């Protein structure tokens, strides 16, 4: 019987967890794999535990490293949970608990919404444990691109921009231009500013951009 020596070391507390999202892991994922040949992979071939959903998403990623695969999986999760993550954009836990929906048609929403938000947030935010193969840790060259905002850790600021644009019906290009002037550290201010111009004409947006002081 041939032993698979590509399995990463798994800490005891994560022995049943998906490396991508921390859900129960009943599957494994190997990268690179035969369906996507990589001739300049940044690390050795590795196999790690994964849940079925993340494994399927990971197999679709045509990238060069496991961390780039992780980014594509997180983008998949953000897209899947977009409505659940939007709960955290529009409510706090206390606001939702006291919304007065107990006896109405939204009673089910009030009971389950925050739980679903937390499940979505935690799966997106989870960062896999360090990758160690045969006692040697593999360096992560992708972590410096992450962007954390309002309790959610996005693979990069691009995913945050897209998420907020879709949920608040913002002009994606306009938000990018506003952020270019205000800077990523003013993300919340840029979103609030763009919400004032939903439905505005191109000329109105151009005038608004001219009035922003660059950071």
Protein backbone atom coordinates (compact mmCIF):
# COMPACT_ATOMS: atom_id res chain seq x y z
CA UNK A 1 0.00 0.00 0.00
CA UNK A 2 1.42 3.38 -1.04
CA UNK A 3 1.51 6.04 1.66
CA UNK A 4 0.43 9.56 0.69
CA UNK A 5 3.28 11.75 1.95
CA UNK A 6 1.69 15.01 0.80
CA UNK A 7 -0.64 15.36 3.82
CA UNK A 8 0.08 18.42 5.89
CA UNK A 9 0.53 18.24 9.65
CA UNK A 10 -2.81 18.92 11.36
CA UNK A 11 -2.88 20.32 14.91
CA UNK A 12 -4.90 18.17 17.30
CA UNK A 13 -7.60 20.82 17.83
CA UNK A 14 -8.18 20.99 14.05
CA UNK A 15 -8.10 17.25 13.32
CA UNK A 16 -11.71 17.25 12.06
CA UNK A 17 -11.78 20.74 10.51
CA UNK A 18 -11.69 22.05 6.95
CA UNK A 19 -8.50 24.04 6.34
CA UNK A 20 -10.42 26.61 4.31
CA UNK A 21 -13.43 27.37 6.52
CA UNK A 22 -13.23 25.26 9.74
CA UNK A 23 -16.43 23.33 9.02
CA UNK A 24 -16.31 19.54 9.60
CA UNK A 25 -13.92 18.00 7.08
CA UNK A 26 -15.01 14.79 5.40
CA UNK A 27 -12.85 15.24 2.32
CA UNK A 28 -9.35 16.27 1.30
CA UNK A 29 -7.89 18.55 -1.36
CA UNK A 30 -4.53 18.18 -3.08
CA UNK A 31 -2.72 21.00 -4.86
CA UNK A 32 -1.45 21.00 -7.51
CA UNK A 33 -3.72 18.28 -8.91
CA UNK A 34 -4.01 16.46 -12.23
CA UNK A 35 -6.95 18.55 -13.50
CA UNK A 36 -4.87 21.75 -13.27
CA UNK A 37 -1.18 21.36 -14.04
CA UNK A 38 1.02 24.02 -12.47
CA UNK A 39 4.62 24.20 -13.66
CA UNK A 40 5.69 27.08 -11.41
CA UNK A 41 3.88 26.23 -8.16
CA UNK A 42 5.25 28.17 -5.20
CA UNK A 43 5.40 25.09 -2.93
CA UNK A 44 5.50 21.30 -2.85
CA UNK A 45 2.39 19.24 -3.62
CA UNK A 46 0.27 19.20 -0.47
CA UNK A 47 -2.96 17.56 0.67
CA UNK A 48 -5.14 19.11 3.33
CA UNK A 49 -8.50 18.34 4.99
CA UNK A 50 -11.53 20.05 3.56
CA UNK A 51 -15.32 20.03 3.54
CA UNK A 52 -17.12 19.02 0.35
CA UNK A 53 -18.16 22.56 -0.61
CA UNK A 54 -14.68 24.03 -0.21
CA UNK A 55 -13.09 21.08 -1.99
CA UNK A 56 -15.38 21.59 -4.99
CA UNK A 57 -14.68 25.33 -5.06
CA UNK A 58 -10.94 24.72 -4.69
CA UNK A 59 -10.84 22.32 -7.65
CA UNK A 60 -12.17 25.12 -9.88
CA UNK A 61 -9.33 27.50 -8.98
CA UNK A 62 -6.76 27.76 -11.77
CA UNK A 63 -3.99 29.45 -9.81
CA UNK A 64 -0.37 28.91 -8.74
CA UNK A 65 -0.43 28.31 -4.97
CA UNK A 66 -2.62 26.96 -2.21
CA UNK A 67 -3.05 30.48 -0.80
CA UNK A 68 -4.40 31.66 -4.12
CA UNK A 69 -6.75 28.67 -4.00
CA UNK A 70 -7.81 29.80 -0.52
CA UNK A 71 -8.61 33.24 -1.90
CA UNK A 72 -10.83 31.75 -4.61
CA UNK A 73 -12.63 29.59 -2.05
CA UNK A 74 -13.27 32.65 0.13
CA UNK A 75 -14.62 34.55 -2.88
CA UNK A 76 -16.97 31.61 -3.49
CA UNK A 77 -18.14 31.71 0.15
CA UNK A 78 -18.68 35.48 0.05
CA UNK A 79 -20.81 35.10 -3.09
CA UNK A 80 -22.79 32.20 -1.62
CA UNK A 81 -23.42 34.00 1.67
CA UNK A 82 -23.90 37.48 0.26
CA UNK A 83 -27.43 37.87 1.67
CA UNK A 84 -26.43 36.46 5.07
CA UNK A 85 -23.39 38.73 5.31
CA UNK A 86 -25.64 41.66 4.41
CA UNK A 87 -27.47 41.14 7.71
CA UNK A 88 -24.37 42.40 9.48
CA UNK A 89 -24.31 45.46 7.23
CA UNK A 90 -27.85 46.48 8.11
CA UNK A 91 -28.34 45.28 11.71
CA UNK A 92 -26.56 44.78 14.99
CA UNK A 93 -27.43 41.74 17.09
CA UNK A 94 -29.34 43.90 19.60
CA UNK A 95 -31.23 45.77 16.89
CA UNK A 96 -32.34 42.50 15.33
CA UNK A 97 -33.35 40.99 18.68
CA UNK A 98 -35.51 44.05 19.42
CA UNK A 99 -36.93 44.57 15.93
CA UNK A 100 -40.44 43.53 16.98
CA UNK A 101 -40.83 40.75 14.41
CA UNK A 102 -41.86 38.08 16.96
CA UNK A 103 -45.51 37.83 15.90
CA UNK A 104 -45.26 38.81 12.24
CA UNK A 105 -44.29 37.10 9.02
CA UNK A 106 -40.63 37.92 9.76
CA UNK A 107 -40.53 35.94 13.04
CA UNK A 108 -38.49 33.16 11.45
CA UNK A 109 -36.05 35.70 10.03
CA UNK A 110 -35.57 37.31 13.45
CA UNK A 111 -34.83 33.96 15.08
CA UNK A 112 -32.34 32.66 12.54
CA UNK A 113 -30.84 35.69 10.79
CA UNK A 114 -28.06 36.54 13.24
CA UNK A 115 -27.06 32.88 13.54
CA UNK A 116 -26.78 32.64 9.75
CA UNK A 117 -24.74 35.84 9.67
CA UNK A 118 -22.33 34.44 12.25
CA UNK A 119 -21.97 31.15 10.35
CA UNK A 120 -21.23 33.04 7.12
CA UNK A 121 -18.87 35.50 8.81
CA UNK A 122 -16.93 32.79 10.63
CA UNK A 123 -16.48 30.65 7.52
CA UNK A 124 -15.22 33.64 5.52
CA UNK A 125 -13.00 34.90 8.33
CA UNK A 126 -11.38 31.57 9.17
CA UNK A 127 -7.71 31.36 8.29
CA UNK A 128 -6.19 27.90 8.08
CA UNK A 129 -3.44 26.87 10.45
CA UNK A 130 0.19 27.16 9.22
CA UNK A 131 1.01 24.66 6.50
CA UNK A 132 3.66 22.25 7.70
CA UNK A 133 4.79 19.34 5.52
CA UNK A 134 7.21 16.80 6.98
CA UNK A 135 8.08 19.23 9.76
CA UNK A 136 8.86 22.15 7.44
CA UNK A 137 6.56 25.19 7.38
CA UNK A 138 5.59 26.55 3.97
CA UNK A 139 5.73 30.35 3.79
CA UNK A 140 2.51 32.20 3.00
CA UNK A 141 3.19 34.91 0.42
CA UNK A 142 -0.43 36.06 0.09
CA UNK A 143 -1.46 37.18 3.61
CA UNK A 144 -0.50 40.84 3.17
CA UNK A 145 -3.36 41.40 0.69
CA UNK A 146 -6.19 40.69 3.16
CA UNK A 147 -8.57 43.52 4.00
CA UNK A 148 -10.56 43.51 7.23
CA UNK A 149 -13.60 45.73 7.62
CA UNK A 150 -16.60 45.73 9.95
CA UNK A 151 -15.89 42.28 11.36
CA UNK A 152 -15.29 40.49 8.06
CA UNK A 153 -11.88 39.58 6.62
CA UNK A 154 -11.92 39.77 2.81
CA UNK A 155 -9.22 38.14 0.64
CA UNK A 156 -8.46 41.64 -0.68
CA UNK A 157 -10.05 45.08 -0.79
CA UNK A 158 -11.45 44.24 -4.25
CA UNK A 159 -13.84 41.68 -2.73
CA UNK A 160 -14.95 44.20 -0.09
CA UNK A 161 -15.64 46.80 -2.77
CA UNK A 162 -17.69 44.34 -4.81
CA UNK A 163 -19.60 43.08 -1.75
CA UNK A 164 -20.63 46.58 -0.63
CA UNK A 165 -21.42 47.69 -4.16
CA UNK A 166 -23.82 44.80 -4.66
CA UNK A 167 -25.49 45.04 -1.26
CA UNK A 168 -26.01 48.81 -1.34
CA UNK A 169 -26.57 49.07 -5.10
CA UNK A 170 -23.55 51.34 -5.47
CA UNK A 171 -21.77 52.27 -8.68
CA UNK A 172 -18.69 50.01 -8.52
CA UNK A 173 -16.52 52.29 -10.62
CA UNK A 174 -17.58 55.35 -8.64
CA UNK A 175 -16.74 53.64 -5.33
CA UNK A 176 -13.30 52.72 -6.66
CA UNK A 177 -12.67 56.31 -7.72
CA UNK A 178 -13.82 57.64 -4.34
CA UNK A 179 -11.53 55.18 -2.54
CA UNK A 180 -8.64 56.21 -4.77
CA UNK A 181 -9.10 59.74 -3.43
CA UNK A 182 -9.97 58.97 0.18
CA UNK A 183 -7.73 55.96 0.70
CA UNK A 184 -8.55 52.41 1.92
CA UNK A 185 -8.43 53.52 5.57
CA UNK A 186 -11.54 55.64 4.84
CA UNK A 187 -13.54 52.71 3.47
CA UNK A 188 -16.57 53.38 5.68
CA UNK A 189 -16.58 57.06 4.75
CA UNK A 190 -16.29 56.19 1.05
CA UNK A 191 -19.27 53.81 1.24
CA UNK A 192 -21.40 56.42 3.04
CA UNK A 193 -20.40 59.01 0.45
CA UNK A 194 -21.32 56.76 -2.47
CA UNK A 195 -24.70 55.92 -0.92
CA UNK A 196 -25.57 59.60 -1.23
CA UNK A 197 -25.11 59.32 -5.00
CA UNK A 198 -27.17 56.20 -5.77
CA UNK A 199 -29.12 57.14 -8.89
CA UNK A 200 -27.04 60.27 -9.52
CA UNK A 201 -26.12 61.26 -13.07
CA UNK A 202 -22.56 60.83 -14.40
CA UNK A 203 -22.10 64.61 -14.30
CA UNK A 204 -23.17 64.75 -10.63
CA UNK A 205 -20.72 61.98 -9.75
CA UNK A 206 -17.91 63.71 -11.65
CA UNK A 207 -18.60 66.94 -9.78
CA UNK A 208 -18.63 65.07 -6.47
CA UNK A 209 -15.26 63.49 -7.25
CA UNK A 210 -13.74 66.88 -8.03
CA UNK A 211 -14.83 68.15 -4.61
CA UNK A 212 -13.14 65.35 -2.64
CA UNK A 213 -9.87 66.29 -1.03
CA UNK A 214 -7.23 63.63 -1.81
CA UNK A 215 -5.82 61.79 1.23
